Amino acid sequence: MKFHQNKSTSLTIADAKKEAKRISEYFKTPSKSQERWQGVKKWILVSNIAFASNDDKLKWNKDIKTLFTKLALEIS
């Protein structure tokens, strides 16, 4: 789970991209982080940001959902 507090959908999307990159490194590199992520099936973003426009929703589904799907993680 990731908590996000910035008040911008573009920053929320950028943060989710950074998090996907970090998670992909956790999966690749033998470490305690890799052990923690073994068996994780879902990544949850907690935010008070409303994705008001269809463009924001489309960008989320196209960019972020794709990144996490490649990591075999469901997102919500």
C-alpha atoms as a PDB file:
ATOM      1  CA  MET A   1       0.000   0.000   0.000  1.00  0.00           C
ATOM      2  CA  LYS A   2       1.222   3.488  -0.818  1.00  0.00           C
ATOM      3  CA  PHE A   3      -0.168   6.710   0.678  1.00  0.00           C
ATOM      4  CA  HIS A   4      -0.115   9.748  -1.576  1.00  0.00           C
ATOM      5  CA  GLN A   5      -0.805  13.293  -0.384  1.00  0.00           C
ATOM      6  CA  ASN A   6       0.117  15.626  -3.265  1.00  0.00           C
ATOM      7  CA  LYS A   7      -2.815  17.451  -4.818  1.00  0.00           C
ATOM      8  CA  SER A   8      -2.206  16.717  -8.473  1.00  0.00           C
ATOM      9  CA  THR A   9      -3.123  13.759 -10.634  1.00  0.00           C
ATOM     10  CA  SER A  10       0.054  14.187 -12.676  1.00  0.00           C
ATOM     11  CA  LEU A  11       2.170  13.943  -9.497  1.00  0.00           C
ATOM     12  CA  THR A  12       0.153  10.933  -8.364  1.00  0.00           C
ATOM     13  CA  ILE A  13       0.842   9.202 -11.675  1.00  0.00           C
ATOM     14  CA  ALA A  14       4.530  10.149 -11.517  1.00  0.00           C
ATOM     15  CA  ASP A  15       4.791   8.750  -7.972  1.00  0.00           C
ATOM     16  CA  ALA A  16       3.115   5.504  -9.038  1.00  0.00           C
ATOM     17  CA  LYS A  17       5.642   5.163 -11.885  1.00  0.00           C
ATOM     18  CA  LYS A  18       8.517   5.641  -9.415  1.00  0.00           C
ATOM     19  CA  GLU A  19       7.006   3.061  -7.102  1.00  0.00           C
ATOM     20  CA  ALA A  20       6.663   0.529  -9.943  1.00  0.00           C
ATOM     21  CA  LYS A  21      10.328   1.030 -10.755  1.00  0.00           C
ATOM     22  CA  ARG A  22      11.313   0.472  -7.113  1.00  0.00           C
ATOM     23  CA  ILE A  23       9.187  -2.656  -6.885  1.00  0.00           C
ATOM     24  CA  SER A  24      10.710  -4.082 -10.068  1.00  0.00           C
ATOM     25  CA  GLU A  25      14.151  -3.611  -8.484  1.00  0.00           C
ATOM     26  CA  TYR A  26      12.970  -5.370  -5.316  1.00  0.00           C
ATOM     27  CA  PHE A  27      11.917  -8.378  -7.401  1.00  0.00           C
ATOM     28  CA  LYS A  28      15.267  -8.499  -9.233  1.00  0.00           C
ATOM     29  CA  THR A  29      17.730  -7.957  -6.390  1.00  0.00           C
ATOM     30  CA  PRO A  30      18.190 -10.598  -3.681  1.00  0.00           C
ATOM     31  CA  SER A  31      17.559  -8.777  -0.389  1.00  0.00           C
ATOM     32  CA  LYS A  32      15.126  -8.428   2.492  1.00  0.00           C
ATOM     33  CA  SER A  33      12.949  -6.288   0.218  1.00  0.00           C
ATOM     34  CA  GLN A  34      12.762  -9.113  -2.300  1.00  0.00           C
ATOM     35  CA  GLU A  35      11.677 -11.485   0.470  1.00  0.00           C
ATOM     36  CA  ARG A  36       8.976  -9.025   1.581  1.00  0.00           C
ATOM     37  CA  TRP A  37       7.571  -8.703  -1.934  1.00  0.00           C
ATOM     38  CA  GLN A  38       7.438 -12.452  -2.595  1.00  0.00           C
ATOM     39  CA  GLY A  39       3.800 -13.483  -2.639  1.00  0.00           C
ATOM     40  CA  VAL A  40       2.425  -9.940  -2.945  1.00  0.00           C
ATOM     41  CA  LYS A  41      -0.429  -9.901  -5.451  1.00  0.00           C
ATOM     42  CA  LYS A  42      -1.940  -6.418  -5.110  1.00  0.00           C
ATOM     43  CA  TRP A  43      -0.623  -2.845  -4.878  1.00  0.00           C
ATOM     44  CA  ILE A  44      -2.978  -0.244  -3.399  1.00  0.00           C
ATOM     45  CA  LEU A  45      -2.635   3.525  -3.714  1.00  0.00           C
ATOM     46  CA  VAL A  46      -4.382   5.528  -1.007  1.00  0.00           C
ATOM     47  CA  SER A  47      -5.029   9.114  -2.039  1.00  0.00           C
ATOM     48  CA  ASN A  48      -7.562  11.890  -1.752  1.00  0.00           C
ATOM     49  CA  ILE A  49      -6.962  12.920  -5.370  1.00  0.00           C
ATOM     50  CA  ALA A  50      -9.968  12.664  -7.657  1.00  0.00           C
ATOM     51  CA  PHE A  51      -9.283  11.592 -11.210  1.00  0.00           C
ATOM     52  CA  ALA A  52     -11.834  13.985 -12.620  1.00  0.00           C
ATOM     53  CA  SER A  53     -11.043  13.945 -16.303  1.00  0.00           C
ATOM     54  CA  ASN A  54     -11.216  11.019 -18.679  1.00  0.00           C
ATOM     55  CA  ASP A  55      -7.658  11.894 -19.744  1.00  0.00           C
ATOM     56  CA  ASP A  56      -6.422  11.240 -16.195  1.00  0.00           C
ATOM     57  CA  LYS A  57      -8.253   7.916 -16.033  1.00  0.00           C
ATOM     58  CA  LEU A  58      -6.990   6.919 -19.470  1.00  0.00           C
ATOM     59  CA  LYS A  59      -3.408   7.816 -18.550  1.00  0.00           C
ATOM     60  CA  TRP A  60      -3.678   5.832 -15.302  1.00  0.00           C
ATOM     61  CA  ASN A  61      -4.997   2.761 -17.097  1.00  0.00           C
ATOM     62  CA  LYS A  62      -2.540   3.035 -19.988  1.00  0.00           C
ATOM     63  CA  ASP A  63       0.624   3.888 -18.058  1.00  0.00           C
ATOM     64  CA  ILE A  64       0.272   2.701 -14.492  1.00  0.00           C
ATOM     65  CA  LYS A  65      -1.921  -0.344 -14.865  1.00  0.00           C
ATOM     66  CA  THR A  66       0.401  -1.598 -17.622  1.00  0.00           C
ATOM     67  CA  LEU A  67       3.506  -1.169 -15.436  1.00  0.00           C
ATOM     68  CA  PHE A  68       2.022  -3.073 -12.530  1.00  0.00           C
ATOM     69  CA  THR A  69       0.574  -5.784 -14.773  1.00  0.00           C
ATOM     70  CA  LYS A  70       4.115  -6.429 -16.022  1.00  0.00           C
ATOM     71  CA  LEU A  71       5.080  -6.947 -12.375  1.00  0.00           C
ATOM     72  CA  ALA A  72       2.171  -9.418 -11.987  1.00  0.00           C
ATOM     73  CA  LEU A  73       0.487  -7.076  -9.506  1.00  0.00           C
ATOM     74  CA  GLU A  74      -3.154  -6.086  -9.479  1.00  0.00           C
ATOM     75  CA  ILE A  75      -3.638  -2.403  -8.653  1.00  0.00           C
ATOM     76  CA  SER A  76      -6.406  -0.431  -6.991  1.00  0.00           C
END
